[in-house]
C-alpha atoms as a PDB file:
ATOM      1  CA  UNK A   1       9.990   5.915  -7.777  1.00  0.00           C
ATOM      2  CA  UNK A   2       7.187   8.078  -8.169  1.00  0.00           C
ATOM      3  CA  UNK A   3       6.326  10.251  -4.936  1.00  0.00           C
ATOM      4  CA  UNK A   4       3.502  12.518  -4.167  1.00  0.00           C
ATOM      5  CA  UNK A   5       3.409  15.890  -4.020  1.00  0.00           C
ATOM      6  CA  UNK A   6       1.521  16.226  -0.342  1.00  0.00           C
ATOM      7  CA  UNK A   7       3.976  14.022   0.991  1.00  0.00           C
ATOM      8  CA  UNK A   8       7.196  15.878  -0.457  1.00  0.00           C
ATOM      9  CA  UNK A   9       6.022  19.057   0.640  1.00  0.00           C
ATOM     10  CA  UNK A  10       5.963  17.675   4.552  1.00  0.00           C
ATOM     11  CA  UNK A  11       9.602  18.261   6.372  1.00  0.00           C
ATOM     12  CA  UNK A  12      11.473  15.683   7.683  1.00  0.00           C
ATOM     13  CA  UNK A  13      10.302  12.786   5.930  1.00  0.00           C
ATOM     14  CA  UNK A  14      11.609  10.486   2.314  1.00  0.00           C
ATOM     15  CA  UNK A  15       9.445   8.225   0.424  1.00  0.00           C
ATOM     16  CA  UNK A  16       8.579   6.393  -2.541  1.00  0.00           C
ATOM     17  CA  UNK A  17       6.231   4.391  -4.450  1.00  0.00           C
ATOM     18  CA  UNK A  18       8.517   2.011  -6.164  1.00  0.00           C
ATOM     19  CA  UNK A  19       7.411   0.842  -9.577  1.00  0.00           C
ATOM     20  CA  UNK A  20       9.057  -2.044 -11.145  1.00  0.00           C
ATOM     21  CA  UNK A  21      11.833  -0.349 -13.134  1.00  0.00           C
ATOM     22  CA  UNK A  22      15.054  -0.580 -11.654  1.00  0.00           C
ATOM     23  CA  UNK A  23      15.755  -3.637 -10.531  1.00  0.00           C
ATOM     24  CA  UNK A  24      17.632  -7.084 -11.579  1.00  0.00           C
ATOM     25  CA  UNK A  25      14.286  -9.715 -11.492  1.00  0.00           C
ATOM     26  CA  UNK A  26      14.325 -11.990 -14.642  1.00  0.00           C
ATOM     27  CA  UNK A  27      10.561 -13.446 -16.029  1.00  0.00           C
ATOM     28  CA  UNK A  28       7.513 -12.920 -14.634  1.00  0.00           C
ATOM     29  CA  UNK A  29       9.755 -10.685 -12.167  1.00  0.00           C
ATOM     30  CA  UNK A  30      11.211  -8.616 -14.547  1.00  0.00           C
ATOM     31  CA  UNK A  31      11.908  -5.569 -12.447  1.00  0.00           C
ATOM     32  CA  UNK A  32      12.365  -4.439  -9.295  1.00  0.00           C
ATOM     33  CA  UNK A  33      10.626  -7.001  -7.021  1.00  0.00           C
ATOM     34  CA  UNK A  34      10.528  -7.172  -3.652  1.00  0.00           C
ATOM     35  CA  UNK A  35       8.317  -9.817  -2.348  1.00  0.00           C
ATOM     36  CA  UNK A  36       9.653 -11.638   0.160  1.00  0.00           C
ATOM     37  CA  UNK A  37       7.085 -14.341  -0.179  1.00  0.00           C
ATOM     38  CA  UNK A  38       7.235 -14.267  -4.183  1.00  0.00           C
ATOM     39  CA  UNK A  39       8.999 -17.519  -5.749  1.00  0.00           C
ATOM     40  CA  UNK A  40      11.655 -15.195  -7.297  1.00  0.00           C
ATOM     41  CA  UNK A  41      15.139 -15.733  -6.386  1.00  0.00           C
ATOM     42  CA  UNK A  42      15.935 -14.859  -2.944  1.00  0.00           C
ATOM     43  CA  UNK A  43      19.338 -13.006  -3.808  1.00  0.00           C
ATOM     44  CA  UNK A  44      17.707 -10.756  -6.673  1.00  0.00           C
ATOM     45  CA  UNK A  45      14.627  -9.897  -4.020  1.00  0.00           C
ATOM     46  CA  UNK A  46      17.436  -9.135  -1.426  1.00  0.00           C
ATOM     47  CA  UNK A  47      19.365  -6.970  -4.028  1.00  0.00           C
ATOM     48  CA  UNK A  48      16.041  -5.469  -5.481  1.00  0.00           C
ATOM     49  CA  UNK A  49      15.302  -4.331  -1.832  1.00  0.00           C
ATOM     50  CA  UNK A  50      19.215  -2.939  -1.156  1.00  0.00           C
ATOM     51  CA  UNK A  51      18.424  -0.719  -4.022  1.00  0.00           C
ATOM     52  CA  UNK A  52      14.691   0.448  -2.223  1.00  0.00           C
ATOM     53  CA  UNK A  53      16.497   0.788   0.894  1.00  0.00           C
ATOM     54  CA  UNK A  54      18.943   2.894  -0.684  1.00  0.00           C
ATOM     55  CA  UNK A  55      16.540   5.494  -2.383  1.00  0.00           C
ATOM     56  CA  UNK A  56      14.850   6.112   0.802  1.00  0.00           C
ATOM     57  CA  UNK A  57      18.340   6.811   2.845  1.00  0.00           C
ATOM     58  CA  UNK A  58      18.649   3.684   5.150  1.00  0.00           C
ATOM     59  CA  UNK A  59      20.191   0.210   5.442  1.00  0.00           C
ATOM     60  CA  UNK A  60      18.775  -2.814   4.026  1.00  0.00           C
ATOM     61  CA  UNK A  61      18.287  -4.158   8.136  1.00  0.00           C
ATOM     62  CA  UNK A  62      15.941  -0.882   8.551  1.00  0.00           C
ATOM     63  CA  UNK A  63      13.744  -1.356   5.303  1.00  0.00           C
ATOM     64  CA  UNK A  64      10.815  -2.761   7.074  1.00  0.00           C
ATOM     65  CA  UNK A  65       7.632  -4.925   5.183  1.00  0.00           C
ATOM     66  CA  UNK A  66       5.609  -6.978   7.001  1.00  0.00           C
ATOM     67  CA  UNK A  67       3.787 -10.335   6.549  1.00  0.00           C
ATOM     68  CA  UNK A  68       0.419  -9.041   5.633  1.00  0.00           C
ATOM     69  CA  UNK A  69      -2.851 -11.127   6.051  1.00  0.00           C
ATOM     70  CA  UNK A  70      -5.816  -8.688   4.845  1.00  0.00           C
ATOM     71  CA  UNK A  71      -6.511  -7.646   8.484  1.00  0.00           C
ATOM     72  CA  UNK A  72      -6.784  -4.389   9.999  1.00  0.00           C
ATOM     73  CA  UNK A  73      -4.347  -4.302  12.243  1.00  0.00           C
ATOM     74  CA  UNK A  74      -1.810  -1.943  12.706  1.00  0.00           C
ATOM     75  CA  UNK A  75       1.939  -1.926  14.634  1.00  0.00           C
ATOM     76  CA  UNK A  76       3.969   0.178  16.439  1.00  0.00           C
ATOM     77  CA  UNK A  77       7.209   0.052  15.388  1.00  0.00           C
ATOM     78  CA  UNK A  78       9.877   0.801  18.052  1.00  0.00           C
ATOM     79  CA  UNK A  79      12.716  -1.175  16.514  1.00  0.00           C
ATOM     80  CA  UNK A  80      14.024  -3.011  13.030  1.00  0.00           C
ATOM     81  CA  UNK A  81      12.988  -6.950  13.017  1.00  0.00           C
ATOM     82  CA  UNK A  82      14.294  -9.743  11.711  1.00  0.00           C
ATOM     83  CA  UNK A  83      12.586 -13.086  10.390  1.00  0.00           C
ATOM     84  CA  UNK A  84       9.539 -14.052  11.074  1.00  0.00           C
ATOM     85  CA  UNK A  85       8.221 -10.901   9.962  1.00  0.00           C
ATOM     86  CA  UNK A  86       5.162  -9.602  12.494  1.00  0.00           C
ATOM     87  CA  UNK A  87       1.583 -10.496  11.030  1.00  0.00           C
ATOM     88  CA  UNK A  88      -0.082  -7.419  10.044  1.00  0.00           C
ATOM     89  CA  UNK A  89      -1.213  -5.135   7.626  1.00  0.00           C
ATOM     90  CA  UNK A  90      -0.138  -1.574   8.966  1.00  0.00           C
ATOM     91  CA  UNK A  91       2.723   0.253  11.002  1.00  0.00           C
ATOM     92  CA  UNK A  92       3.659   3.281  12.543  1.00  0.00           C
ATOM     93  CA  UNK A  93       6.357   5.081  13.897  1.00  0.00           C
ATOM     94  CA  UNK A  94       7.878   8.118  15.215  1.00  0.00           C
ATOM     95  CA  UNK A  95      11.277   6.265  15.007  1.00  0.00           C
ATOM     96  CA  UNK A  96      13.614   8.078  12.964  1.00  0.00           C
ATOM     97  CA  UNK A  97      15.581   5.993  10.452  1.00  0.00           C
ATOM     98  CA  UNK A  98      13.155   3.151   9.956  1.00  0.00           C
ATOM     99  CA  UNK A  99      11.180   2.911   6.825  1.00  0.00           C
ATOM    100  CA  UNK A 100       7.943   1.537   6.484  1.00  0.00           C
ATOM    101  CA  UNK A 101       7.256  -0.640   3.799  1.00  0.00           C
ATOM    102  CA  UNK A 102       4.340  -2.281   2.570  1.00  0.00           C
ATOM    103  CA  UNK A 103       4.006  -4.907  -0.679  1.00  0.00           C
ATOM    104  CA  UNK A 104       1.534  -4.340  -3.329  1.00  0.00           C
ATOM    105  CA  UNK A 105       0.384  -5.858  -6.626  1.00  0.00           C
ATOM    106  CA  UNK A 106      -3.503  -4.114  -7.159  1.00  0.00           C
ATOM    107  CA  UNK A 107      -4.046  -3.715  -3.302  1.00  0.00           C
ATOM    108  CA  UNK A 108      -3.828   0.210  -2.300  1.00  0.00           C
ATOM    109  CA  UNK A 109      -0.673   1.425  -1.062  1.00  0.00           C
ATOM    110  CA  UNK A 110      -1.409   4.231   1.931  1.00  0.00           C
ATOM    111  CA  UNK A 111       1.214   6.494   2.938  1.00  0.00           C
ATOM    112  CA  UNK A 112       1.007   8.589   6.180  1.00  0.00           C
ATOM    113  CA  UNK A 113       2.507  11.450   7.930  1.00  0.00           C
ATOM    114  CA  UNK A 114       1.771  13.976  10.575  1.00  0.00           C
ATOM    115  CA  UNK A 115       4.721  16.861   9.988  1.00  0.00           C
ATOM    116  CA  UNK A 116       3.888  18.663  13.114  1.00  0.00           C
ATOM    117  CA  UNK A 117       4.162  15.575  15.324  1.00  0.00           C
ATOM    118  CA  UNK A 118       6.871  13.382  13.221  1.00  0.00           C
ATOM    119  CA  UNK A 119       4.787  10.696  12.971  1.00  0.00           C
ATOM    120  CA  UNK A 120       4.515   8.665   9.868  1.00  0.00           C
ATOM    121  CA  UNK A 121       2.703   5.104   8.924  1.00  0.00           C
ATOM    122  CA  UNK A 122       2.414   3.075   5.945  1.00  0.00           C
ATOM    123  CA  UNK A 123      -0.850   0.911   5.347  1.00  0.00           C
ATOM    124  CA  UNK A 124      -1.958  -2.548   2.790  1.00  0.00           C
ATOM    125  CA  UNK A 125      -5.427  -1.482   1.980  1.00  0.00           C
ATOM    126  CA  UNK A 126      -6.798  -4.355  -0.117  1.00  0.00           C
ATOM    127  CA  UNK A 127     -11.053  -4.460  -0.600  1.00  0.00           C
ATOM    128  CA  UNK A 128     -10.481  -6.702   3.056  1.00  0.00           C
ATOM    129  CA  UNK A 129      -8.048  -4.818   5.420  1.00  0.00           C
ATOM    130  CA  UNK A 130     -10.314  -1.463   3.873  1.00  0.00           C
ATOM    131  CA  UNK A 131     -13.895  -2.832   4.643  1.00  0.00           C
ATOM    132  CA  UNK A 132     -12.091  -4.203   8.072  1.00  0.00           C
ATOM    133  CA  UNK A 133     -10.720  -1.033   9.555  1.00  0.00           C
ATOM    134  CA  UNK A 134      -7.361  -0.988   8.610  1.00  0.00           C
ATOM    135  CA  UNK A 135      -6.791   2.578   7.538  1.00  0.00           C
ATOM    136  CA  UNK A 136      -8.512   3.513  10.920  1.00  0.00           C
ATOM    137  CA  UNK A 137      -6.518   1.544  13.229  1.00  0.00           C
ATOM    138  CA  UNK A 138      -3.683   3.254  11.599  1.00  0.00           C
ATOM    139  CA  UNK A 139      -4.914   6.734  12.292  1.00  0.00           C
ATOM    140  CA  UNK A 140      -5.528   5.054  15.488  1.00  0.00           C
ATOM    141  CA  UNK A 141      -2.076   4.248  16.376  1.00  0.00           C
ATOM    142  CA  UNK A 142      -0.733   7.395  14.713  1.00  0.00           C
ATOM    143  CA  UNK A 143      -2.676   8.518  18.021  1.00  0.00           C
ATOM    144  CA  UNK A 144      -0.801   6.981  20.113  1.00  0.00           C
ATOM    145  CA  UNK A 145       2.661   8.117  19.469  1.00  0.00           C
ATOM    146  CA  UNK A 146       1.092  12.004  19.538  1.00  0.00           C
ATOM    147  CA  UNK A 147      -0.174  12.567  15.662  1.00  0.00           C
ATOM    148  CA  UNK A 148      -3.567  14.024  15.478  1.00  0.00           C
ATOM    149  CA  UNK A 149      -5.858  13.167  12.163  1.00  0.00           C
ATOM    150  CA  UNK A 150      -6.500  16.591  11.405  1.00  0.00           C
ATOM    151  CA  UNK A 151      -2.635  17.273  10.646  1.00  0.00           C
ATOM    152  CA  UNK A 152      -2.351  14.119   9.074  1.00  0.00           C
ATOM    153  CA  UNK A 153      -1.117  13.686   5.402  1.00  0.00           C
ATOM    154  CA  UNK A 154      -1.946  10.811   2.969  1.00  0.00           C
ATOM    155  CA  UNK A 155      -1.173   9.495  -0.544  1.00  0.00           C
ATOM    156  CA  UNK A 156      -3.002   6.389  -1.957  1.00  0.00           C
ATOM    157  CA  UNK A 157       0.083   5.158  -4.030  1.00  0.00           C
ATOM    158  CA  UNK A 158      -0.959   2.841  -7.282  1.00  0.00           C
ATOM    159  CA  UNK A 159      -3.358   0.074  -7.180  1.00  0.00           C
ATOM    160  CA  UNK A 160      -5.956  -1.657  -9.420  1.00  0.00           C
ATOM    161  CA  UNK A 161      -8.344   1.178 -10.579  1.00  0.00           C
ATOM    162  CA  UNK A 162     -12.576   0.621 -11.234  1.00  0.00           C
ATOM    163  CA  UNK A 163     -11.747   0.052 -14.860  1.00  0.00           C
ATOM    164  CA  UNK A 164     -10.111  -3.265 -14.348  1.00  0.00           C
ATOM    165  CA  UNK A 165     -11.453  -4.340 -11.006  1.00  0.00           C
ATOM    166  CA  UNK A 166     -14.781  -6.598 -12.107  1.00  0.00           C
ATOM    167  CA  UNK A 167     -16.230  -8.654  -9.423  1.00  0.00           C
ATOM    168  CA  UNK A 168     -19.105 -11.153  -8.679  1.00  0.00           C
ATOM    169  CA  UNK A 169     -22.331  -9.461  -7.012  1.00  0.00           C
ATOM    170  CA  UNK A 170     -21.388 -11.576  -3.473  1.00  0.00           C
ATOM    171  CA  UNK A 171     -18.710  -9.049  -3.348  1.00  0.00           C
ATOM    172  CA  UNK A 172     -21.405  -6.095  -4.027  1.00  0.00           C
ATOM    173  CA  UNK A 173     -23.335  -7.482  -1.322  1.00  0.00           C
ATOM    174  CA  UNK A 174     -20.729  -7.736   1.309  1.00  0.00           C
ATOM    175  CA  UNK A 175     -20.243  -4.196   0.379  1.00  0.00           C
ATOM    176  CA  UNK A 176     -24.221  -3.035   0.907  1.00  0.00           C
ATOM    177  CA  UNK A 177     -24.485  -5.579   4.020  1.00  0.00           C
ATOM    178  CA  UNK A 178     -22.108  -3.206   5.970  1.00  0.00           C
ATOM    179  CA  UNK A 179     -23.700  -0.360   4.620  1.00  0.00           C
ATOM    180  CA  UNK A 180     -26.318   0.461   2.070  1.00  0.00           C
ATOM    181  CA  UNK A 181     -23.995   3.408   0.589  1.00  0.00           C
ATOM    182  CA  UNK A 182     -21.188   1.688  -0.439  1.00  0.00           C
ATOM    183  CA  UNK A 183     -23.422   0.418  -3.240  1.00  0.00           C
ATOM    184  CA  UNK A 184     -22.153   4.433  -5.141  1.00  0.00           C
ATOM    185  CA  UNK A 185     -18.257   2.413  -5.397  1.00  0.00           C
ATOM    186  CA  UNK A 186     -19.902   0.198  -7.861  1.00  0.00           C
ATOM    187  CA  UNK A 187     -20.230   0.460 -11.521  1.00  0.00           C
ATOM    188  CA  UNK A 188     -21.784  -1.570 -14.325  1.00  0.00           C
ATOM    189  CA  UNK A 189     -19.775  -4.569 -16.032  1.00  0.00           C
ATOM    190  CA  UNK A 190     -19.802  -5.428 -19.421  1.00  0.00           C
ATOM    191  CA  UNK A 191     -20.483  -9.189 -18.141  1.00  0.00           C
ATOM    192  CA  UNK A 192     -24.051  -9.933 -16.327  1.00  0.00           C
ATOM    193  CA  UNK A 193     -24.117 -10.366 -13.156  1.00  0.00           C
ATOM    194  CA  UNK A 194     -20.751  -8.352 -12.433  1.00  0.00           C
ATOM    195  CA  UNK A 195     -19.791  -5.059 -11.521  1.00  0.00           C
ATOM    196  CA  UNK A 196     -16.618  -2.485 -12.004  1.00  0.00           C
ATOM    197  CA  UNK A 197     -15.159  -2.088  -7.971  1.00  0.00           C
ATOM    198  CA  UNK A 198     -13.701   1.645  -7.367  1.00  0.00           C
ATOM    199  CA  UNK A 199     -11.303   0.600  -4.537  1.00  0.00           C
ATOM    200  CA  UNK A 200      -8.994   4.085  -4.453  1.00  0.00           C
ATOM    201  CA  UNK A 201     -12.951   5.900  -4.211  1.00  0.00           C
ATOM    202  CA  UNK A 202     -13.723   3.391  -1.323  1.00  0.00           C
ATOM    203  CA  UNK A 203     -10.267   4.204   0.644  1.00  0.00           C
ATOM    204  CA  UNK A 204     -10.764   7.673  -0.390  1.00  0.00           C
ATOM    205  CA  UNK A 205     -13.672   8.127   1.419  1.00  0.00           C
ATOM    206  CA  UNK A 206     -13.019   5.879   4.394  1.00  0.00           C
ATOM    207  CA  UNK A 207     -10.035   8.361   4.909  1.00  0.00           C
ATOM    208  CA  UNK A 208     -12.410  11.229   4.989  1.00  0.00           C
ATOM    209  CA  UNK A 209     -14.640   9.986   6.967  1.00  0.00           C
ATOM    210  CA  UNK A 210     -12.220   8.816   9.563  1.00  0.00           C
ATOM    211  CA  UNK A 211     -11.064  13.271   9.701  1.00  0.00           C
ATOM    212  CA  UNK A 212      -8.189  13.238   7.341  1.00  0.00           C
ATOM    213  CA  UNK A 213      -8.374  16.708   5.774  1.00  0.00           C
ATOM    214  CA  UNK A 214      -5.577  16.380   3.014  1.00  0.00           C
ATOM    215  CA  UNK A 215      -5.575  13.560   0.812  1.00  0.00           C
ATOM    216  CA  UNK A 216      -3.427  13.040  -2.410  1.00  0.00           C
ATOM    217  CA  UNK A 217      -4.281  10.324  -5.352  1.00  0.00           C
ATOM    218  CA  UNK A 218      -1.632   9.071  -7.617  1.00  0.00           C
ATOM    219  CA  UNK A 219      -4.645   7.682  -9.811  1.00  0.00           C
ATOM    220  CA  UNK A 220      -2.400   5.121 -11.363  1.00  0.00           C
ATOM    221  CA  UNK A 221      -3.567   1.792 -12.379  1.00  0.00           C
ATOM    222  CA  UNK A 222      -1.338  -1.322 -11.330  1.00  0.00           C
ATOM    223  CA  UNK A 223      -3.264  -3.725 -14.047  1.00  0.00           C
ATOM    224  CA  UNK A 224      -3.343  -0.990 -17.224  1.00  0.00           C
ATOM    225  CA  UNK A 225       0.224  -0.543 -17.186  1.00  0.00           C
ATOM    226  CA  UNK A 226       2.543  -3.402 -17.293  1.00  0.00           C
ATOM    227  CA  UNK A 227       5.271  -1.377 -17.750  1.00  0.00           C
ATOM    228  CA  UNK A 228       5.939   0.089 -14.231  1.00  0.00           C
ATOM    229  CA  UNK A 229       3.849  -1.944 -12.348  1.00  0.00           C
ATOM    230  CA  UNK A 230       3.164  -5.553 -11.309  1.00  0.00           C
ATOM    231  CA  UNK A 231      -0.186  -7.305 -10.998  1.00  0.00           C
ATOM    232  CA  UNK A 232      -1.813 -10.036  -9.071  1.00  0.00           C
ATOM    233  CA  UNK A 233      -5.115  -9.907 -11.575  1.00  0.00           C
ATOM    234  CA  UNK A 234      -3.634  -9.233 -14.640  1.00  0.00           C
ATOM    235  CA  UNK A 235      -1.001 -12.634 -13.533  1.00  0.00           C
ATOM    236  CA  UNK A 236      -4.188 -14.806 -12.790  1.00  0.00           C
ATOM    237  CA  UNK A 237      -5.806 -13.878 -16.277  1.00  0.00           C
ATOM    238  CA  UNK A 238      -2.392 -14.377 -18.275  1.00  0.00           C
ATOM    239  CA  UNK A 239      -2.859 -17.744 -15.831  1.00  0.00           C
ATOM    240  CA  UNK A 240       1.160 -17.027 -14.921  1.00  0.00           C
ATOM    241  CA  UNK A 241       2.418 -19.001 -11.703  1.00  0.00           C
ATOM    242  CA  UNK A 242       3.418 -16.384  -9.678  1.00  0.00           C
ATOM    243  CA  UNK A 243       3.745 -12.035  -9.819  1.00  0.00           C
ATOM    244  CA  UNK A 244       6.069  -9.554  -8.654  1.00  0.00           C
ATOM    245  CA  UNK A 245       5.578  -7.427  -5.836  1.00  0.00           C
ATOM    246  CA  UNK A 246       6.148  -3.598  -5.098  1.00  0.00           C
ATOM    247  CA  UNK A 247       7.207  -2.241  -1.961  1.00  0.00           C
ATOM    248  CA  UNK A 248       6.001   1.403  -1.154  1.00  0.00           C
ATOM    249  CA  UNK A 249       8.131   3.108   1.908  1.00  0.00           C
ATOM    250  CA  UNK A 250       8.203   6.062   3.979  1.00  0.00           C
ATOM    251  CA  UNK A 251      10.800   6.878   6.724  1.00  0.00           C
ATOM    252  CA  UNK A 252      11.364  10.042   8.897  1.00  0.00           C
ATOM    253  CA  UNK A 253      15.157  11.392   8.292  1.00  0.00           C
ATOM    254  CA  UNK A 254      17.369  10.963  10.461  1.00  0.00           C
END
């Protein structure tokens, strides 16, 4: 479990960016696969999630994740839920003892806290969610609970990084159409008609423009570090049938 120095300095919270180490899954899922939507054995996924819940100090029933759909939608959480899980890509709460978790295997896991207001948030920010406003939606939802965005501390967890994130020119054009200045998040690729996208830089920029003053990026690449991280793109390149998912979590202490 990895932690952010900034978040660790905030009183009253626990958090963790979980790696694939320490789990019971096997094969292509080997390690700590927390993906309820994966084709891994359900009992292994549940055991992995139980271990993660224990690590952040909550009951498994309070270790929440969403049915993520690459949307800009953020939910306010007041109590644990069962199945089916709500469809959204971010959630916030001021209720102690509820772990807000996002699953990821290349997309950006983003954890938020306003230590003064004791409001937390977690967002799943792939390129689509980041482009359409999931980060801003998370901050807006936190403010409905009494947070102030200039007090919010944010940490960016492991995600695919620019040196491994090759995209086609139609992808670049989509970002340029949204805002011409977005071209700065793309670098030349070795293949003609392609570019390398800086997802972490784009997320950081969106947060800064939204008014967040304190941001830490762990600057870790899921694609490059197979020993510690699952990667959707790596699984596609290897023509594997599925992939494991990390869960990244934040909770207010009881």
